[in-house]
Amino acid sequence: MNKVLKELFVTAIYLLFVFGLTFFVLKYVGQRTLVEGSSMEGTLQDGDNLWVNKFRYRFHDPERFDIVVFPPYEETSRVNYIKRVIGLPGETVRIGLDGTIYINGEPLVESYGREVIDEAHIGLAYEEIKLGEDEYFVLGDNRNNSTDSRFPQVGNVKRSQLIGKAVWRIFPFRKFGRIYPKAGA
């Protein structure tokens, strides 16, 4: 009987350690996030499962073109947003009638957008948007089918709102791997 109790105690300690480690990883290091919708098409598809690095932004600032995850603006929704960082703190962002994105008056050179932004989807960025010291301007890659910083219900995203950086596609398995190419855009 003593041996059985000892085995139960060791097993309980082991399970407590596993649960504690799992809690720590999910709370502070990373989490799985599901892509819902088509706003990131071109890079991510509806149903993709991503690994989000929650640890990175504790020590590094988000960079232009990072794919970030942040909570919804509606309190009733549980679906997080997944968007690409376009504008950085202190910059001005504007989108011209021809769909060109301007950062501090200079055209942004990038190849992530699935299509040119049409005039009906320029939103608030028709006029220059000045980002605060802790604000980011984010866009979906499917530019004409994305609710993002161009619209008041999302607006500029504060650093404190960022859950983390999406870094790996973990499902479907045929697409498993890094989201970002090794070289620049």
N, C-alpha and C. Protein backbone atom coordinates (compact mmCIF):
# COMPACT_ATOMS: atom_id res chain seq x y z
N MET A 1 0.82 -1.20 0.00
CA MET A 1 0.00 0.00 0.00
C MET A 1 0.86 1.26 0.00
N ASN A 2 1.96 1.22 0.75
CA ASN A 2 2.86 2.36 0.83
C ASN A 2 3.45 2.69 -0.54
N LYS A 3 3.76 1.65 -1.34
CA LYS A 3 4.33 1.84 -2.67
C LYS A 3 3.31 2.50 -3.60
N VAL A 4 2.05 2.14 -3.49
CA VAL A 4 0.98 2.71 -4.31
C VAL A 4 0.83 4.20 -4.00
N LEU A 5 0.82 4.55 -2.72
CA LEU A 5 0.72 5.95 -2.32
C LEU A 5 1.91 6.76 -2.83
N LYS A 6 3.07 6.17 -2.75
CA LYS A 6 4.28 6.85 -3.25
C LYS A 6 4.16 7.10 -4.75
N GLU A 7 3.70 6.11 -5.51
CA GLU A 7 3.52 6.25 -6.97
C GLU A 7 2.48 7.32 -7.29
N LEU A 8 1.37 7.32 -6.55
CA LEU A 8 0.34 8.35 -6.75
C LEU A 8 0.89 9.75 -6.45
N PHE A 9 1.67 9.87 -5.41
CA PHE A 9 2.27 11.15 -5.05
C PHE A 9 3.22 11.63 -6.15
N VAL A 10 4.08 10.75 -6.63
CA VAL A 10 5.03 11.11 -7.69
C VAL A 10 4.28 11.49 -8.97
N THR A 11 3.23 10.75 -9.30
CA THR A 11 2.43 11.05 -10.49
C THR A 11 1.74 12.40 -10.34
N ALA A 12 1.20 12.68 -9.17
CA ALA A 12 0.54 13.96 -8.92
C ALA A 12 1.52 15.12 -9.04
N ILE A 13 2.71 14.97 -8.51
CA ILE A 13 3.74 16.01 -8.63
C ILE A 13 4.11 16.23 -10.09
N TYR A 14 4.28 15.12 -10.82
CA TYR A 14 4.61 15.20 -12.24
C TYR A 14 3.51 15.94 -13.01
N LEU A 15 2.25 15.58 -12.79
CA LEU A 15 1.14 16.23 -13.48
C LEU A 15 1.05 17.71 -13.11
N LEU A 16 1.27 18.02 -11.85
CA LEU A 16 1.26 19.42 -11.41
C LEU A 16 2.36 20.21 -12.13
N PHE A 17 3.52 19.61 -12.26
CA PHE A 17 4.62 20.26 -12.99
C PHE A 17 4.25 20.48 -14.46
N VAL A 18 3.68 19.48 -15.11
CA VAL A 18 3.29 19.58 -16.52
C VAL A 18 2.22 20.67 -16.69
N PHE A 19 1.21 20.68 -15.85
CA PHE A 19 0.17 21.70 -15.93
C PHE A 19 0.73 23.10 -15.68
N GLY A 20 1.61 23.22 -14.69
CA GLY A 20 2.24 24.51 -14.41
C GLY A 20 3.08 25.01 -15.57
N LEU A 21 3.87 24.12 -16.15
CA LEU A 21 4.69 24.49 -17.30
C LEU A 21 3.81 24.89 -18.49
N THR A 22 2.75 24.14 -18.73
CA THR A 22 1.82 24.47 -19.82
C THR A 22 1.19 25.83 -19.59
N PHE A 23 0.73 26.10 -18.37
CA PHE A 23 0.16 27.40 -18.05
C PHE A 23 1.16 28.53 -18.31
N PHE A 24 2.38 28.35 -17.85
CA PHE A 24 3.42 29.36 -18.04
C PHE A 24 3.66 29.64 -19.53
N VAL A 25 3.78 28.58 -20.33
CA VAL A 25 4.03 28.75 -21.77
C VAL A 25 2.87 29.49 -22.43
N LEU A 26 1.64 29.07 -22.15
CA LEU A 26 0.49 29.69 -22.79
C LEU A 26 0.23 31.11 -22.30
N LYS A 27 0.59 31.41 -21.09
CA LYS A 27 0.36 32.75 -20.54
C LYS A 27 1.45 33.74 -20.97
N TYR A 28 2.71 33.31 -21.01
CA TYR A 28 3.81 34.25 -21.20
C TYR A 28 4.66 34.03 -22.44
N VAL A 29 4.66 32.86 -23.01
CA VAL A 29 5.59 32.56 -24.11
C VAL A 29 4.89 32.56 -25.47
N GLY A 30 3.82 31.84 -25.61
CA GLY A 30 3.15 31.77 -26.89
C GLY A 30 1.80 31.13 -26.80
N GLN A 31 1.07 31.20 -27.91
CA GLN A 31 -0.24 30.58 -27.96
C GLN A 31 -0.59 30.23 -29.39
N ARG A 32 -1.52 29.31 -29.53
CA ARG A 32 -2.06 28.97 -30.84
C ARG A 32 -3.20 29.93 -31.15
N THR A 33 -3.25 30.40 -32.38
CA THR A 33 -4.32 31.28 -32.82
C THR A 33 -4.86 30.78 -34.15
N LEU A 34 -6.17 30.81 -34.30
CA LEU A 34 -6.84 30.37 -35.51
C LEU A 34 -7.15 31.57 -36.39
N VAL A 35 -6.83 31.47 -37.68
CA VAL A 35 -7.19 32.51 -38.65
C VAL A 35 -8.65 32.28 -39.03
N GLU A 36 -9.47 33.30 -38.82
CA GLU A 36 -10.87 33.23 -39.22
C GLU A 36 -11.15 34.38 -40.16
N GLY A 37 -11.53 34.05 -41.39
CA GLY A 37 -11.85 35.07 -42.38
C GLY A 37 -10.77 35.18 -43.43
N SER A 38 -10.97 36.12 -44.34
CA SER A 38 -10.10 36.24 -45.51
C SER A 38 -9.24 37.50 -45.52
N SER A 39 -9.18 38.25 -44.43
CA SER A 39 -8.48 39.54 -44.45
C SER A 39 -6.98 39.43 -44.65
N MET A 40 -6.38 38.26 -44.40
CA MET A 40 -4.94 38.10 -44.60
C MET A 40 -4.61 37.21 -45.80
N GLU A 41 -5.62 36.94 -46.65
CA GLU A 41 -5.37 36.09 -47.81
C GLU A 41 -4.25 36.65 -48.66
N GLY A 42 -3.52 35.74 -49.20
CA GLY A 42 -2.27 36.06 -49.87
C GLY A 42 -1.13 35.52 -49.02
N THR A 43 -1.29 35.63 -47.71
CA THR A 43 -0.30 35.11 -46.76
C THR A 43 -0.90 34.00 -45.91
N LEU A 44 -2.06 34.27 -45.33
CA LEU A 44 -2.73 33.32 -44.45
C LEU A 44 -4.13 33.04 -44.98
N GLN A 45 -4.61 31.84 -44.74
CA GLN A 45 -5.93 31.42 -45.21
C GLN A 45 -6.84 31.15 -44.02
N ASP A 46 -8.13 31.27 -44.26
CA ASP A 46 -9.13 30.91 -43.26
C ASP A 46 -8.88 29.47 -42.81
N GLY A 47 -8.80 29.25 -41.52
CA GLY A 47 -8.58 27.92 -40.98
C GLY A 47 -7.13 27.61 -40.64
N ASP A 48 -6.18 28.48 -41.06
CA ASP A 48 -4.78 28.26 -40.67
C ASP A 48 -4.65 28.40 -39.15
N ASN A 49 -3.82 27.58 -38.55
CA ASN A 49 -3.49 27.67 -37.13
C ASN A 49 -2.08 28.23 -37.03
N LEU A 50 -1.91 29.23 -36.20
CA LEU A 50 -0.61 29.91 -36.07
C LEU A 50 -0.08 29.79 -34.66
N TRP A 51 1.25 29.80 -34.54
CA TRP A 51 1.91 29.93 -33.25
C TRP A 51 2.28 31.39 -33.09
N VAL A 52 1.80 32.01 -32.02
CA VAL A 52 2.03 33.43 -31.75
C VAL A 52 3.06 33.55 -30.64
N ASN A 53 4.14 34.26 -30.92
CA ASN A 53 5.20 34.49 -29.94
C ASN A 53 4.79 35.68 -29.07
N LYS A 54 4.40 35.41 -27.83
CA LYS A 54 3.98 36.45 -26.90
C LYS A 54 5.17 37.05 -26.16
N PHE A 55 6.29 36.39 -26.23
CA PHE A 55 7.49 36.77 -25.47
C PHE A 55 8.28 37.88 -26.17
N ARG A 56 8.32 37.85 -27.52
CA ARG A 56 9.16 38.73 -28.31
C ARG A 56 8.97 40.21 -27.99
N TYR A 57 7.73 40.65 -27.89
CA TYR A 57 7.47 42.07 -27.71
C TYR A 57 7.70 42.55 -26.28
N ARG A 58 8.11 41.67 -25.41
CA ARG A 58 8.53 42.10 -24.07
C ARG A 58 9.91 42.75 -24.14
N PHE A 59 10.71 42.40 -25.16
CA PHE A 59 12.08 42.88 -25.28
C PHE A 59 12.38 43.62 -26.58
N HIS A 60 11.53 43.45 -27.59
CA HIS A 60 11.74 44.09 -28.90
C HIS A 60 10.48 44.80 -29.34
N ASP A 61 10.67 45.92 -30.03
CA ASP A 61 9.53 46.63 -30.59
C ASP A 61 9.04 45.90 -31.84
N PRO A 62 7.75 45.97 -32.10
CA PRO A 62 7.24 45.43 -33.37
C PRO A 62 7.90 46.17 -34.53
N GLU A 63 8.12 45.43 -35.61
CA GLU A 63 8.75 46.00 -36.80
C GLU A 63 7.75 46.06 -37.93
N ARG A 64 8.03 46.95 -38.90
CA ARG A 64 7.19 47.04 -40.08
C ARG A 64 7.12 45.66 -40.75
N PHE A 65 5.95 45.29 -41.15
CA PHE A 65 5.60 44.04 -41.84
C PHE A 65 5.46 42.84 -40.89
N ASP A 66 5.66 43.00 -39.58
CA ASP A 66 5.34 41.92 -38.65
C ASP A 66 3.84 41.62 -38.76
N ILE A 67 3.48 40.37 -38.60
CA ILE A 67 2.07 39.99 -38.50
C ILE A 67 1.77 39.89 -37.01
N VAL A 68 0.83 40.72 -36.56
CA VAL A 68 0.54 40.82 -35.13
C VAL A 68 -0.88 40.36 -34.83
N VAL A 69 -1.07 39.95 -33.59
CA VAL A 69 -2.38 39.52 -33.11
C VAL A 69 -2.77 40.47 -31.98
N PHE A 70 -4.03 40.94 -32.03
CA PHE A 70 -4.53 41.82 -30.98
C PHE A 70 -6.02 41.54 -30.79
N PRO A 71 -6.57 41.91 -29.63
CA PRO A 71 -7.96 41.56 -29.32
C PRO A 71 -8.96 42.38 -30.14
N PRO A 72 -10.19 41.89 -30.23
CA PRO A 72 -11.23 42.59 -31.00
C PRO A 72 -11.66 43.87 -30.30
N TYR A 73 -12.24 44.76 -31.08
CA TYR A 73 -12.73 46.01 -30.51
C TYR A 73 -14.07 45.81 -29.81
N GLU A 74 -14.85 44.80 -30.24
CA GLU A 74 -16.13 44.55 -29.58
C GLU A 74 -15.91 43.66 -28.37
N GLU A 75 -16.54 44.00 -27.30
CA GLU A 75 -16.40 43.19 -26.08
C GLU A 75 -17.08 41.83 -26.23
N THR A 76 -18.04 41.73 -27.16
CA THR A 76 -18.80 40.48 -27.30
C THR A 76 -18.06 39.46 -28.17
N SER A 77 -17.08 39.90 -28.94
CA SER A 77 -16.36 38.99 -29.83
C SER A 77 -15.16 38.37 -29.13
N ARG A 78 -14.90 37.10 -29.44
CA ARG A 78 -13.74 36.42 -28.86
C ARG A 78 -12.68 36.15 -29.91
N VAL A 79 -12.92 36.63 -31.14
CA VAL A 79 -12.00 36.38 -32.25
C VAL A 79 -10.95 37.50 -32.28
N ASN A 80 -9.68 37.13 -32.16
CA ASN A 80 -8.60 38.11 -32.23
C ASN A 80 -8.36 38.54 -33.66
N TYR A 81 -7.84 39.75 -33.82
CA TYR A 81 -7.44 40.25 -35.13
C TYR A 81 -6.03 39.79 -35.46
N ILE A 82 -5.79 39.52 -36.73
CA ILE A 82 -4.46 39.19 -37.23
C ILE A 82 -4.22 40.12 -38.41
N LYS A 83 -3.25 41.03 -38.28
CA LYS A 83 -2.97 42.04 -39.31
C LYS A 83 -1.47 42.26 -39.43
N ARG A 84 -1.08 42.99 -40.47
CA ARG A 84 0.33 43.30 -40.73
C ARG A 84 0.62 44.74 -40.31
N VAL A 85 1.73 44.95 -39.60
CA VAL A 85 2.15 46.30 -39.19
C VAL A 85 2.65 47.05 -40.42
N ILE A 86 2.08 48.21 -40.66
CA ILE A 86 2.47 49.06 -41.78
C ILE A 86 3.11 50.35 -41.28
N GLY A 87 2.46 51.01 -40.32
CA GLY A 87 2.98 52.26 -39.78
C GLY A 87 3.49 52.08 -38.36
N LEU A 88 4.62 52.73 -38.05
CA LEU A 88 5.28 52.62 -36.74
C LEU A 88 5.07 53.89 -35.92
N PRO A 89 5.30 53.83 -34.61
CA PRO A 89 5.10 54.99 -33.75
C PRO A 89 5.82 56.24 -34.28
N GLY A 90 5.08 57.36 -34.23
CA GLY A 90 5.63 58.64 -34.64
C GLY A 90 5.53 58.92 -36.14
N GLU A 91 5.17 57.94 -36.94
CA GLU A 91 5.07 58.14 -38.39
C GLU A 91 3.70 58.69 -38.78
N THR A 92 3.63 59.19 -40.00
CA THR A 92 2.33 59.56 -40.57
C THR A 92 2.04 58.59 -41.71
N VAL A 93 0.78 58.20 -41.80
CA VAL A 93 0.34 57.24 -42.81
C VAL A 93 -0.79 57.88 -43.60
N ARG A 94 -0.75 57.71 -44.92
CA ARG A 94 -1.82 58.18 -45.79
C ARG A 94 -1.93 57.22 -46.96
N ILE A 95 -3.13 57.05 -47.46
CA ILE A 95 -3.33 56.23 -48.65
C ILE A 95 -3.91 57.13 -49.73
N GLY A 96 -3.21 57.18 -50.87
CA GLY A 96 -3.65 58.01 -51.98
C GLY A 96 -4.84 57.40 -52.71
N LEU A 97 -5.51 58.21 -53.53
CA LEU A 97 -6.66 57.73 -54.29
C LEU A 97 -6.31 56.59 -55.23
N ASP A 98 -5.03 56.50 -55.61
CA ASP A 98 -4.59 55.41 -56.49
C ASP A 98 -4.23 54.14 -55.71
N GLY A 99 -4.42 54.17 -54.36
CA GLY A 99 -4.14 53.01 -53.53
C GLY A 99 -2.73 52.94 -52.98
N THR A 100 -1.88 53.92 -53.32
CA THR A 100 -0.51 53.94 -52.82
C THR A 100 -0.50 54.29 -51.34
N ILE A 101 0.25 53.54 -50.55
CA ILE A 101 0.41 53.81 -49.12
C ILE A 101 1.63 54.71 -48.96
N TYR A 102 1.47 55.80 -48.23
CA TYR A 102 2.58 56.72 -47.98
C TYR A 102 2.92 56.72 -46.50
N ILE A 103 4.21 56.59 -46.21
CA ILE A 103 4.73 56.69 -44.85
C ILE A 103 5.61 57.93 -44.81
N ASN A 104 5.25 58.89 -43.97
CA ASN A 104 5.98 60.16 -43.88
C ASN A 104 6.15 60.79 -45.26
N GLY A 105 5.12 60.69 -46.09
CA GLY A 105 5.13 61.31 -47.41
C GLY A 105 5.82 60.51 -48.50
N GLU A 106 6.45 59.40 -48.16
CA GLU A 106 7.16 58.56 -49.13
C GLU A 106 6.36 57.30 -49.43
N PRO A 107 6.28 56.89 -50.70
CA PRO A 107 5.54 55.66 -51.02
C PRO A 107 6.19 54.45 -50.33
N LEU A 108 5.35 53.59 -49.77
CA LEU A 108 5.82 52.38 -49.11
C LEU A 108 6.10 51.32 -50.17
N VAL A 109 7.29 50.77 -50.13
CA VAL A 109 7.66 49.69 -51.04
C VAL A 109 7.41 48.38 -50.31
N GLU A 110 6.43 47.61 -50.80
CA GLU A 110 6.09 46.33 -50.19
C GLU A 110 5.35 45.49 -51.22
N SER A 111 5.31 44.20 -50.96
CA SER A 111 4.63 43.31 -51.89
C SER A 111 3.68 42.36 -51.17
N TYR A 112 3.20 42.77 -50.01
CA TYR A 112 2.32 41.90 -49.23
C TYR A 112 0.86 42.05 -49.60
N GLY A 113 0.44 43.23 -50.02
CA GLY A 113 -0.96 43.46 -50.35
C GLY A 113 -1.40 42.58 -51.51
N ARG A 114 -2.55 41.96 -51.32
CA ARG A 114 -3.08 41.05 -52.35
C ARG A 114 -3.48 41.83 -53.59
N GLU A 115 -3.98 43.05 -53.42
CA GLU A 115 -4.40 43.90 -54.53
C GLU A 115 -4.21 45.36 -54.15
N VAL A 116 -4.36 46.23 -55.13
CA VAL A 116 -4.27 47.67 -54.89
C VAL A 116 -5.52 48.08 -54.12
N ILE A 117 -5.36 48.94 -53.16
CA ILE A 117 -6.49 49.43 -52.37
C ILE A 117 -7.36 50.30 -53.26
N ASP A 118 -8.64 49.93 -53.38
CA ASP A 118 -9.52 50.76 -54.21
C ASP A 118 -10.03 51.93 -53.39
N GLU A 119 -10.52 52.93 -54.09
CA GLU A 119 -10.91 54.20 -53.48
C GLU A 119 -11.95 54.03 -52.37
N ALA A 120 -12.83 53.06 -52.51
CA ALA A 120 -13.88 52.85 -51.52
C ALA A 120 -13.34 52.28 -50.20
N HIS A 121 -12.10 51.79 -50.19
CA HIS A 121 -11.54 51.16 -48.99
C HIS A 121 -10.37 51.93 -48.38
N ILE A 122 -10.22 53.19 -48.76
CA ILE A 122 -9.14 54.01 -48.18
C ILE A 122 -9.47 54.39 -46.75
N GLY A 123 -10.74 54.62 -46.46
CA GLY A 123 -11.19 54.91 -45.11
C GLY A 123 -10.55 56.15 -44.51
N LEU A 124 -10.22 56.07 -43.22
CA LEU A 124 -9.65 57.21 -42.49
C LEU A 124 -8.30 57.65 -43.04
N ALA A 125 -7.62 56.75 -43.75
CA ALA A 125 -6.27 57.04 -44.24
C ALA A 125 -6.28 57.95 -45.48
N TYR A 126 -7.45 58.40 -45.90
CA TYR A 126 -7.52 59.37 -46.99
C TYR A 126 -6.78 60.64 -46.58
N GLU A 127 -6.90 60.97 -45.30
CA GLU A 127 -6.14 62.09 -44.74
C GLU A 127 -5.00 61.50 -43.91
N GLU A 128 -3.92 62.27 -43.74
CA GLU A 128 -2.77 61.78 -42.98
C GLU A 128 -3.18 61.39 -41.56
N ILE A 129 -2.69 60.25 -41.13
CA ILE A 129 -2.91 59.78 -39.77
C ILE A 129 -1.56 59.82 -39.06
N LYS A 130 -1.48 60.60 -38.01
CA LYS A 130 -0.26 60.71 -37.22
C LYS A 130 -0.34 59.70 -36.08
N LEU A 131 0.63 58.79 -36.05
CA LEU A 131 0.65 57.76 -35.01
C LEU A 131 1.32 58.29 -33.75
N GLY A 132 0.76 57.94 -32.60
CA GLY A 132 1.33 58.32 -31.32
C GLY A 132 2.59 57.52 -31.01
N GLU A 133 3.19 57.80 -29.87
CA GLU A 133 4.45 57.15 -29.48
C GLU A 133 4.33 55.65 -29.24
N ASP A 134 3.11 55.16 -29.03
CA ASP A 134 2.92 53.73 -28.78
C ASP A 134 1.85 53.14 -29.72
N GLU A 135 1.68 53.75 -30.90
CA GLU A 135 0.62 53.32 -31.82
C GLU A 135 1.18 52.75 -33.12
N TYR A 136 0.43 51.79 -33.66
CA TYR A 136 0.80 51.12 -34.91
C TYR A 136 -0.39 51.17 -35.87
N PHE A 137 -0.11 51.32 -37.15
CA PHE A 137 -1.12 51.28 -38.19
C PHE A 137 -1.02 49.92 -38.84
N VAL A 138 -2.12 49.15 -38.84
CA VAL A 138 -2.10 47.78 -39.35
C VAL A 138 -3.08 47.63 -40.50
N LEU A 139 -2.73 46.76 -41.44
CA LEU A 139 -3.59 46.43 -42.57
C LEU A 139 -3.63 44.91 -42.75
N GLY A 140 -4.75 44.42 -43.26
CA GLY A 140 -4.81 43.05 -43.71
C GLY A 140 -4.16 42.95 -45.08
N ASP A 141 -3.65 41.80 -45.44
CA ASP A 141 -3.03 41.63 -46.77
C ASP A 141 -4.08 41.63 -47.88
N ASN A 142 -5.29 41.24 -47.57
CA ASN A 142 -6.39 41.29 -48.53
C ASN A 142 -7.02 42.67 -48.36
N ARG A 143 -6.34 43.66 -48.89
CA ARG A 143 -6.59 45.07 -48.57
C ARG A 143 -8.02 45.55 -48.79
N ASN A 144 -8.73 45.00 -49.76
CA ASN A 144 -10.09 45.45 -50.03
C ASN A 144 -11.14 44.60 -49.31
N ASN A 145 -10.69 43.73 -48.43
CA ASN A 145 -11.60 42.88 -47.66
C ASN A 145 -11.05 42.70 -46.25
N SER A 146 -10.75 43.82 -45.60
CA SER A 146 -10.15 43.77 -44.27
C SER A 146 -10.64 44.93 -43.42
N THR A 147 -11.04 44.65 -42.21
CA THR A 147 -11.35 45.69 -41.24
C THR A 147 -10.07 45.89 -40.43
N ASP A 148 -9.48 47.08 -40.56
CA ASP A 148 -8.17 47.34 -39.97
C ASP A 148 -8.05 48.79 -39.56
N SER A 149 -6.84 49.33 -39.48
CA SER A 149 -6.62 50.69 -38.97
C SER A 149 -7.27 51.78 -39.83
N ARG A 150 -7.70 51.45 -41.02
CA ARG A 150 -8.36 52.45 -41.87
C ARG A 150 -9.75 52.78 -41.39
N PHE A 151 -10.28 51.97 -40.49
CA PHE A 151 -11.67 52.12 -40.08
C PHE A 151 -11.77 52.39 -38.58
N PRO A 152 -12.72 53.25 -38.19
CA PRO A 152 -12.77 53.70 -36.79
C PRO A 152 -12.98 52.59 -35.77
N GLN A 153 -13.63 51.49 -36.15
CA GLN A 153 -13.85 50.44 -35.16
C GLN A 153 -12.57 49.73 -34.76
N VAL A 154 -11.49 49.88 -35.54
CA VAL A 154 -10.18 49.33 -35.17
C VAL A 154 -9.23 50.47 -34.86
N GLY A 155 -9.01 51.36 -35.83
CA GLY A 155 -8.13 52.51 -35.63
C GLY A 155 -6.69 52.09 -35.39
N ASN A 156 -5.92 53.01 -34.84
CA ASN A 156 -4.53 52.72 -34.51
C ASN A 156 -4.48 51.73 -33.35
N VAL A 157 -3.53 50.82 -33.40
CA VAL A 157 -3.42 49.79 -32.38
C VAL A 157 -2.29 50.18 -31.42
N LYS A 158 -2.60 50.20 -30.14
CA LYS A 158 -1.60 50.55 -29.13
C LYS A 158 -0.70 49.34 -28.83
N ARG A 159 0.50 49.62 -28.48
CA ARG A 159 1.48 48.57 -28.16
C ARG A 159 0.95 47.63 -27.08
N SER A 160 0.29 48.19 -26.08
CA SER A 160 -0.23 47.39 -24.97
C SER A 160 -1.33 46.41 -25.42
N GLN A 161 -1.94 46.66 -26.58
CA GLN A 161 -2.98 45.77 -27.09
C GLN A 161 -2.40 44.54 -27.79
N LEU A 162 -1.15 44.61 -28.21
CA LEU A 162 -0.58 43.52 -28.99
C LEU A 162 -0.37 42.27 -28.13
N ILE A 163 -0.95 41.17 -28.57
CA ILE A 163 -0.78 39.89 -27.88
C ILE A 163 0.57 39.29 -28.26
N GLY A 164 0.95 39.43 -29.52
CA GLY A 164 2.23 38.89 -29.95
C GLY A 164 2.38 38.89 -31.46
N LYS A 165 3.48 38.29 -31.89
CA LYS A 165 3.84 38.21 -33.31
C LYS A 165 3.57 36.78 -33.81
N ALA A 166 2.80 36.67 -34.88
CA ALA A 166 2.55 35.36 -35.49
C ALA A 166 3.82 34.95 -36.23
N VAL A 167 4.36 33.77 -35.93
CA VAL A 167 5.64 33.36 -36.53
C VAL A 167 5.60 32.04 -37.27
N TRP A 168 4.72 31.11 -36.86
CA TRP A 168 4.69 29.78 -37.49
C TRP A 168 3.27 29.41 -37.86
N ARG A 169 3.13 28.80 -39.01
CA ARG A 169 1.86 28.15 -39.36
C ARG A 169 2.02 26.71 -38.90
N ILE A 170 1.16 26.25 -38.00
CA ILE A 170 1.30 24.90 -37.47
C ILE A 170 0.26 23.94 -38.03
N PHE A 171 -0.77 24.45 -38.66
CA PHE A 171 -1.76 23.60 -39.30
C PHE A 171 -2.43 24.41 -40.39
N PRO A 172 -2.74 23.90 -41.52
CA PRO A 172 -2.63 22.51 -41.94
C PRO A 172 -1.17 22.10 -42.11
N PHE A 173 -0.90 20.82 -41.87
CA PHE A 173 0.48 20.32 -41.86
C PHE A 173 1.19 20.50 -43.19
N ARG A 174 0.46 20.47 -44.31
CA ARG A 174 1.11 20.63 -45.62
C ARG A 174 1.69 22.03 -45.79
N LYS A 175 1.25 22.98 -44.96
CA LYS A 175 1.76 24.35 -45.01
C LYS A 175 2.63 24.68 -43.80
N PHE A 176 2.96 23.70 -43.00
CA PHE A 176 3.72 23.92 -41.76
C PHE A 176 5.00 24.70 -42.05
N GLY A 177 5.29 25.69 -41.23
CA GLY A 177 6.56 26.41 -41.35
C GLY A 177 6.43 27.89 -41.02
N ARG A 178 7.55 28.57 -41.20
CA ARG A 178 7.61 30.00 -40.92
C ARG A 178 6.66 30.76 -41.82
N ILE A 179 6.05 31.79 -41.30
CA ILE A 179 5.17 32.65 -42.09
C ILE A 179 5.99 33.63 -42.92
N TYR A 180 7.13 34.05 -42.36
CA TYR A 180 7.93 35.09 -42.99
C TYR A 180 9.02 34.49 -43.86
N PRO A 181 9.22 35.05 -45.05
CA PRO A 181 10.36 34.60 -45.85
C PRO A 181 11.66 35.06 -45.18
N LYS A 182 12.75 34.38 -45.44
CA LYS A 182 14.05 34.74 -44.84
C LYS A 182 14.52 36.12 -45.33
N ALA A 183 14.39 36.39 -46.62
CA ALA A 183 14.83 37.67 -47.17
C ALA A 183 13.71 38.69 -47.00
N GLY A 184 13.99 39.95 -47.32
CA GLY A 184 13.01 41.03 -47.21
C GLY A 184 11.84 40.85 -48.14
N ALA A 185 10.93 41.78 -48.06
CA ALA A 185 9.66 41.70 -48.81
C ALA A 185 9.85 41.69 -50.30
